Amino acid sequence: MSLLRTWLAAIQCWDKVMFGTDWPIVNLGEYIGFIRRLVPEAHWEPVFFDNANRIYGLGL
C-alpha cells in the first residue's frame, strides 16, 4: 500500500484515477475506506465521482 500511495503522490494525476469495485465480491465500505487512505481528501471528489462522470459523459 505504501508503494501505491507513493506512486500516486508522485504522479499527481488525480484526473486519471477513478474509483471502481468488484462489488458484490468485495466489501464496499472497506474498499471505500481503503481508497480514502490512499487518496488525499482534496482529491476524493474527482476520484469518487467527477472523473467517471467526465469519462463516461454522464452529465451529472
N, C-alpha and C. Protein backbone atom coordinates (compact mmCIF):
# COMPACT_ATOMS: atom_id res chain seq x y z
N MET A 1 0.82 -1.18 0.00
CA MET A 1 0.00 0.00 0.00
C MET A 1 0.87 1.25 0.00
N SER A 2 1.97 1.23 0.73
CA SER A 2 2.81 2.43 0.78
C SER A 2 3.43 2.72 -0.59
N LEU A 3 3.78 1.69 -1.35
CA LEU A 3 4.33 1.91 -2.68
C LEU A 3 3.29 2.55 -3.61
N LEU A 4 2.06 2.07 -3.54
CA LEU A 4 0.99 2.65 -4.35
C LEU A 4 0.72 4.10 -3.96
N ARG A 5 0.69 4.37 -2.66
CA ARG A 5 0.48 5.74 -2.18
C ARG A 5 1.61 6.66 -2.67
N THR A 6 2.85 6.19 -2.61
CA THR A 6 4.00 6.97 -3.07
C THR A 6 3.89 7.24 -4.56
N TRP A 7 3.53 6.23 -5.34
CA TRP A 7 3.40 6.38 -6.78
C TRP A 7 2.30 7.39 -7.13
N LEU A 8 1.15 7.27 -6.48
CA LEU A 8 0.04 8.20 -6.75
C LEU A 8 0.42 9.63 -6.38
N ALA A 9 1.10 9.79 -5.25
CA ALA A 9 1.52 11.13 -4.82
C ALA A 9 2.54 11.72 -5.78
N ALA A 10 3.40 10.87 -6.35
CA ALA A 10 4.44 11.36 -7.25
C ALA A 10 3.89 11.82 -8.58
N ILE A 11 2.92 11.10 -9.13
CA ILE A 11 2.42 11.46 -10.47
C ILE A 11 1.43 12.61 -10.44
N GLN A 12 0.72 12.79 -9.31
CA GLN A 12 -0.22 13.91 -9.17
C GLN A 12 -1.19 14.04 -10.35
N CYS A 13 -1.71 12.93 -10.83
CA CYS A 13 -2.67 12.93 -11.94
C CYS A 13 -4.02 12.44 -11.45
N TRP A 14 -4.60 13.15 -10.53
CA TRP A 14 -5.85 12.69 -9.92
C TRP A 14 -7.02 12.72 -10.91
N ASP A 15 -6.87 13.38 -12.03
CA ASP A 15 -7.90 13.38 -13.06
C ASP A 15 -7.88 12.07 -13.86
N LYS A 16 -6.89 11.21 -13.59
CA LYS A 16 -6.78 9.93 -14.28
C LYS A 16 -7.09 8.75 -13.38
N VAL A 17 -7.42 9.01 -12.12
CA VAL A 17 -7.72 7.94 -11.15
C VAL A 17 -9.22 7.89 -10.95
N MET A 18 -9.79 6.67 -11.07
CA MET A 18 -11.24 6.52 -10.94
C MET A 18 -11.55 5.36 -10.01
N PHE A 19 -12.44 5.60 -9.08
CA PHE A 19 -12.88 4.57 -8.14
C PHE A 19 -13.74 3.54 -8.87
N GLY A 20 -13.53 2.29 -8.53
CA GLY A 20 -14.34 1.20 -9.05
C GLY A 20 -14.17 -0.02 -8.15
N THR A 21 -15.11 -0.92 -8.19
CA THR A 21 -15.03 -2.11 -7.34
C THR A 21 -15.45 -3.36 -8.10
N ASP A 22 -15.28 -4.49 -7.46
CA ASP A 22 -15.79 -5.76 -7.95
C ASP A 22 -17.03 -6.13 -7.14
N TRP A 23 -17.80 -5.12 -6.74
CA TRP A 23 -19.00 -5.36 -5.96
C TRP A 23 -19.89 -6.32 -6.72
N PRO A 24 -20.48 -7.28 -6.12
CA PRO A 24 -20.64 -7.55 -4.70
C PRO A 24 -19.57 -8.47 -4.11
N ILE A 25 -18.51 -8.72 -4.86
CA ILE A 25 -17.46 -9.62 -4.38
C ILE A 25 -16.69 -9.00 -3.22
N VAL A 26 -16.47 -7.69 -3.26
CA VAL A 26 -15.73 -7.00 -2.19
C VAL A 26 -16.70 -6.32 -1.24
N ASN A 27 -16.22 -6.06 -0.04
CA ASN A 27 -16.99 -5.29 0.93
C ASN A 27 -16.85 -3.82 0.56
N LEU A 28 -17.93 -3.22 0.09
CA LEU A 28 -17.89 -1.86 -0.44
C LEU A 28 -17.39 -0.85 0.57
N GLY A 29 -17.86 -0.93 1.81
CA GLY A 29 -17.43 0.02 2.84
C GLY A 29 -15.94 -0.05 3.11
N GLU A 30 -15.40 -1.27 3.17
CA GLU A 30 -13.97 -1.43 3.41
C GLU A 30 -13.16 -0.92 2.23
N TYR A 31 -13.64 -1.15 1.03
CA TYR A 31 -12.92 -0.70 -0.15
C TYR A 31 -12.92 0.83 -0.25
N ILE A 32 -14.03 1.46 0.06
CA ILE A 32 -14.08 2.93 0.08
C ILE A 32 -13.07 3.46 1.10
N GLY A 33 -13.02 2.84 2.27
CA GLY A 33 -12.05 3.24 3.29
C GLY A 33 -10.62 3.09 2.83
N PHE A 34 -10.35 2.00 2.11
CA PHE A 34 -9.01 1.75 1.56
C PHE A 34 -8.61 2.87 0.60
N ILE A 35 -9.50 3.22 -0.31
CA ILE A 35 -9.21 4.28 -1.28
C ILE A 35 -9.05 5.62 -0.58
N ARG A 36 -9.85 5.88 0.43
CA ARG A 36 -9.71 7.14 1.18
C ARG A 36 -8.36 7.24 1.87
N ARG A 37 -7.80 6.10 2.28
CA ARG A 37 -6.46 6.13 2.89
C ARG A 37 -5.38 6.36 1.85
N LEU A 38 -5.63 5.98 0.60
CA LEU A 38 -4.64 6.17 -0.46
C LEU A 38 -4.68 7.56 -1.07
N VAL A 39 -5.88 8.10 -1.22
CA VAL A 39 -6.07 9.36 -1.94
C VAL A 39 -6.25 10.51 -0.95
N PRO A 40 -5.50 11.59 -1.11
CA PRO A 40 -5.70 12.75 -0.23
C PRO A 40 -7.15 13.27 -0.33
N GLU A 41 -7.69 13.71 0.78
CA GLU A 41 -9.09 14.14 0.84
C GLU A 41 -9.44 15.20 -0.21
N ALA A 42 -8.50 16.06 -0.53
CA ALA A 42 -8.75 17.10 -1.53
C ALA A 42 -9.09 16.53 -2.90
N HIS A 43 -8.76 15.26 -3.13
CA HIS A 43 -8.98 14.63 -4.43
C HIS A 43 -10.08 13.57 -4.40
N TRP A 44 -10.80 13.44 -3.31
CA TRP A 44 -11.86 12.43 -3.22
C TRP A 44 -12.96 12.67 -4.24
N GLU A 45 -13.39 13.91 -4.40
CA GLU A 45 -14.49 14.21 -5.33
C GLU A 45 -14.16 13.80 -6.77
N PRO A 46 -12.98 14.15 -7.28
CA PRO A 46 -12.65 13.67 -8.63
C PRO A 46 -12.56 12.14 -8.71
N VAL A 47 -11.90 11.52 -7.75
CA VAL A 47 -11.68 10.08 -7.79
C VAL A 47 -12.99 9.30 -7.63
N PHE A 48 -13.85 9.74 -6.72
CA PHE A 48 -15.08 9.00 -6.45
C PHE A 48 -16.24 9.38 -7.38
N PHE A 49 -16.18 10.54 -8.04
CA PHE A 49 -17.31 10.93 -8.87
C PHE A 49 -16.94 11.64 -10.17
N ASP A 50 -16.24 12.77 -10.07
CA ASP A 50 -16.04 13.65 -11.23
C ASP A 50 -15.39 12.95 -12.42
N ASN A 51 -14.36 12.13 -12.18
CA ASN A 51 -13.66 11.50 -13.29
C ASN A 51 -14.56 10.54 -14.05
N ALA A 52 -15.34 9.73 -13.35
CA ALA A 52 -16.26 8.81 -14.03
C ALA A 52 -17.34 9.60 -14.77
N ASN A 53 -17.84 10.64 -14.15
CA ASN A 53 -18.85 11.48 -14.78
C ASN A 53 -18.33 12.06 -16.10
N ARG A 54 -17.08 12.52 -16.08
CA ARG A 54 -16.46 13.10 -17.27
C ARG A 54 -16.15 12.02 -18.31
N ILE A 55 -15.52 10.94 -17.90
CA ILE A 55 -15.08 9.90 -18.84
C ILE A 55 -16.27 9.22 -19.52
N TYR A 56 -17.32 8.94 -18.75
CA TYR A 56 -18.48 8.25 -19.31
C TYR A 56 -19.55 9.22 -19.87
N GLY A 57 -19.27 10.51 -19.78
CA GLY A 57 -20.19 11.51 -20.33
C GLY A 57 -21.58 11.44 -19.72
N LEU A 58 -21.63 11.27 -18.40
CA LEU A 58 -22.92 11.11 -17.72
C LEU A 58 -23.68 12.41 -17.59
N GLY A 59 -23.00 13.53 -17.58
CA GLY A 59 -23.65 14.83 -17.49
C GLY A 59 -24.35 15.07 -16.16
N LEU A 60 -23.83 14.45 -15.11
CA LEU A 60 -24.44 14.62 -13.78
C LEU A 60 -23.83 15.78 -13.03
